[in-house]
Amino acid sequence: MNDKPVPLTAEGRAQIEAEYEHLVNVRRAEVAAQIGAAAEDGDLSENAAYDHAKDEQALLEGRIATLEHFLRNAVLIESPTNGVVQLGSKVTIDQDDGEETYTIVGPLEAAPIKGRISNESPMGRALLNHKAGDTVEVNAPSGARKVRIISIQ
């Protein structure tokens, strides 16, 4: 993994920390117990439960390493106040099908259905560094379109 900064809101960091703590303090012990119980069944060469538990352990350790990387490279997104769209901005736009409001977040916290779009998405990238009243062109996979920024919070 690279050491690229991982932009996170305080809420996003707390969620990652909670998942990490759960995996390290709860799931790791559960998987170790599964491995131990499966090992007690005898011949490990033909023990599907043991193989499954070892696979689960590998996935768990991979996820823990990923979360450690995210936390080590986390950069807190501050609430912007300069009137320009940036990470952490809540932006209301006018587009063909009406008004939409999005919060610009890092890729880890993106959830478009919840109104949280990544700064690396076509829409997020297009909105960055613009002000209320600006019309910007979004180069989406479905084609280019124009949206107007109504407000920024």
Protein backbone atom coordinates (compact mmCIF):
# COMPACT_ATOMS: atom_id res chain seq x y z
CA MET A 1 0.00 0.00 0.00
CA ASN A 2 1.15 3.50 -0.71
CA ASP A 3 1.38 6.29 1.84
CA LYS A 4 -1.13 8.51 0.04
CA PRO A 5 -3.10 10.70 2.51
CA VAL A 6 -6.51 9.29 3.41
CA PRO A 7 -8.99 12.16 3.88
CA LEU A 8 -11.53 11.38 6.62
CA THR A 9 -14.14 13.30 8.53
CA ALA A 10 -14.10 12.93 12.32
CA GLU A 11 -17.13 10.66 11.97
CA GLY A 12 -15.42 8.52 9.33
CA ARG A 13 -12.28 8.17 11.45
CA ALA A 14 -14.38 7.13 14.45
CA GLN A 15 -16.11 4.45 12.35
CA ILE A 16 -12.79 3.06 11.13
CA GLU A 17 -11.37 3.10 14.66
CA ALA A 18 -14.45 1.26 15.97
CA GLU A 19 -14.20 -1.40 13.26
CA TYR A 20 -10.46 -1.80 13.93
CA GLU A 21 -10.99 -2.19 17.69
CA HIS A 22 -13.74 -4.76 17.13
CA LEU A 23 -11.63 -6.79 14.71
CA VAL A 24 -8.54 -6.75 16.93
CA ASN A 25 -10.26 -7.28 20.30
CA VAL A 26 -13.26 -9.46 19.38
CA ARG A 27 -13.04 -11.08 15.95
CA ARG A 28 -9.38 -12.07 16.26
CA ALA A 29 -10.16 -14.08 19.44
CA GLU A 30 -13.25 -15.62 17.83
CA VAL A 31 -11.31 -16.78 14.78
CA ALA A 32 -8.49 -18.13 16.94
CA ALA A 33 -11.09 -20.14 18.91
CA GLN A 34 -12.53 -21.49 15.63
CA ILE A 35 -9.07 -22.56 14.51
CA GLY A 36 -8.40 -24.24 17.86
CA ALA A 37 -11.73 -26.08 17.82
CA ALA A 38 -11.21 -27.24 14.25
CA ALA A 39 -7.67 -28.40 15.01
CA GLU A 40 -8.98 -30.61 17.80
CA ASP A 41 -10.96 -32.60 15.20
CA GLY A 42 -7.81 -34.41 14.12
CA ASP A 43 -6.28 -34.72 10.64
CA LEU A 44 -5.79 -31.16 9.37
CA SER A 45 -5.17 -32.20 5.76
CA GLU A 46 -8.85 -33.04 5.23
CA ASN A 47 -10.44 -30.70 7.77
CA ALA A 48 -12.75 -28.25 5.97
CA ALA A 49 -13.61 -26.37 9.17
CA TYR A 50 -9.91 -25.78 9.83
CA ASP A 51 -9.31 -24.61 6.26
CA HIS A 52 -12.30 -22.28 6.47
CA ALA A 53 -11.13 -20.83 9.79
CA LYS A 54 -7.61 -20.27 8.43
CA ASP A 55 -9.05 -18.53 5.35
CA GLU A 56 -11.18 -16.35 7.62
CA GLN A 57 -8.10 -15.52 9.68
CA ALA A 58 -6.20 -14.44 6.55
CA LEU A 59 -9.08 -12.17 5.47
CA LEU A 60 -9.34 -10.74 8.98
CA GLU A 61 -5.62 -9.96 9.19
CA GLY A 62 -5.76 -8.36 5.75
CA ARG A 63 -8.63 -6.11 6.81
CA ILE A 64 -6.83 -5.17 10.04
CA ALA A 65 -3.71 -4.22 8.04
CA THR A 66 -5.84 -2.14 5.67
CA LEU A 67 -7.52 -0.28 8.54
CA GLU A 68 -4.13 0.33 10.19
CA HIS A 69 -2.93 1.84 6.91
CA PHE A 70 -6.00 4.10 6.68
CA LEU A 71 -5.59 5.30 10.26
CA ARG A 72 -1.84 5.83 9.91
CA ASN A 73 -2.36 7.99 6.79
CA ALA A 74 -5.59 9.70 7.88
CA VAL A 75 -5.88 13.43 7.34
CA LEU A 76 -8.80 15.07 9.14
CA ILE A 77 -11.21 16.96 6.89
CA GLU A 78 -11.96 20.30 8.50
CA SER A 79 -15.21 22.16 7.87
CA PRO A 80 -14.38 24.72 5.19
CA THR A 81 -15.32 28.36 5.65
CA ASN A 82 -13.89 30.14 2.61
CA GLY A 83 -16.88 29.85 0.26
CA VAL A 84 -15.04 27.55 -2.16
CA VAL A 85 -15.96 23.90 -2.64
CA GLN A 86 -13.41 21.64 -0.98
CA LEU A 87 -13.30 18.46 1.08
CA GLY A 88 -15.94 18.74 3.78
CA SER A 89 -18.12 21.21 1.85
CA LYS A 90 -21.86 20.67 1.67
CA VAL A 91 -22.84 21.78 -1.83
CA THR A 92 -26.31 22.32 -3.28
CA ILE A 93 -26.43 22.18 -7.06
CA ASP A 94 -29.07 22.70 -9.72
CA GLN A 95 -29.06 20.08 -12.44
CA ASP A 96 -31.45 18.81 -15.09
CA ASP A 97 -33.60 16.81 -12.68
CA GLY A 98 -33.74 19.41 -9.87
CA GLU A 99 -31.67 20.39 -6.88
CA GLU A 100 -29.35 17.99 -5.08
CA THR A 101 -27.18 18.49 -2.01
CA TYR A 102 -23.90 16.62 -1.59
CA THR A 103 -21.15 16.57 0.99
CA ILE A 104 -17.69 16.23 -0.55
CA VAL A 105 -15.73 13.51 1.28
CA GLY A 106 -12.77 11.24 0.64
CA PRO A 107 -13.25 7.97 -1.28
CA LEU A 108 -13.53 5.85 1.88
CA GLU A 109 -16.62 7.70 3.08
CA ALA A 110 -18.38 8.08 -0.25
CA ALA A 111 -22.03 6.99 -0.14
CA PRO A 112 -23.88 8.68 -3.00
CA ILE A 113 -27.28 7.41 -1.83
CA LYS A 114 -26.65 9.27 1.44
CA GLY A 115 -25.51 12.41 -0.38
CA ARG A 116 -21.80 11.86 0.30
CA ILE A 117 -19.70 11.94 -2.87
CA SER A 118 -15.98 11.41 -3.26
CA ASN A 119 -13.69 14.25 -4.21
CA GLU A 120 -12.33 11.77 -6.80
CA SER A 121 -15.72 11.12 -8.45
CA PRO A 122 -16.55 12.99 -11.67
CA MET A 123 -19.06 15.23 -9.84
CA GLY A 124 -16.81 15.82 -6.83
CA ARG A 125 -13.79 16.58 -9.01
CA ALA A 126 -15.81 19.03 -11.13
CA LEU A 127 -17.18 20.92 -8.11
CA LEU A 128 -13.85 21.36 -6.29
CA ASN A 129 -12.47 24.92 -6.11
CA HIS A 130 -15.64 26.56 -7.46
CA LYS A 131 -17.95 29.09 -5.77
CA ALA A 132 -21.70 29.55 -5.45
CA GLY A 133 -23.13 30.78 -8.74
CA ASP A 134 -20.52 28.97 -10.86
CA THR A 135 -21.65 26.63 -13.61
CA VAL A 136 -19.37 23.63 -13.96
CA GLU A 137 -19.12 20.85 -16.50
CA VAL A 138 -19.19 17.32 -15.13
CA ASN A 139 -17.55 14.69 -17.32
CA ALA A 140 -19.47 11.63 -16.12
CA PRO A 141 -19.42 8.17 -17.72
CA SER A 142 -22.91 8.90 -19.06
CA GLY A 143 -21.60 12.00 -20.83
CA ALA A 144 -20.80 15.62 -20.10
CA ARG A 145 -23.40 17.82 -18.43
CA LYS A 146 -23.51 21.20 -16.76
CA VAL A 147 -24.59 21.91 -13.18
CA ARG A 148 -24.86 25.20 -11.32
CA ILE A 149 -23.66 25.60 -7.74
CA ILE A 150 -26.46 27.18 -5.69
CA SER A 151 -24.86 27.23 -2.24
CA ILE A 152 -21.89 25.99 -0.24
CA GLN A 153 -21.89 25.30 3.48
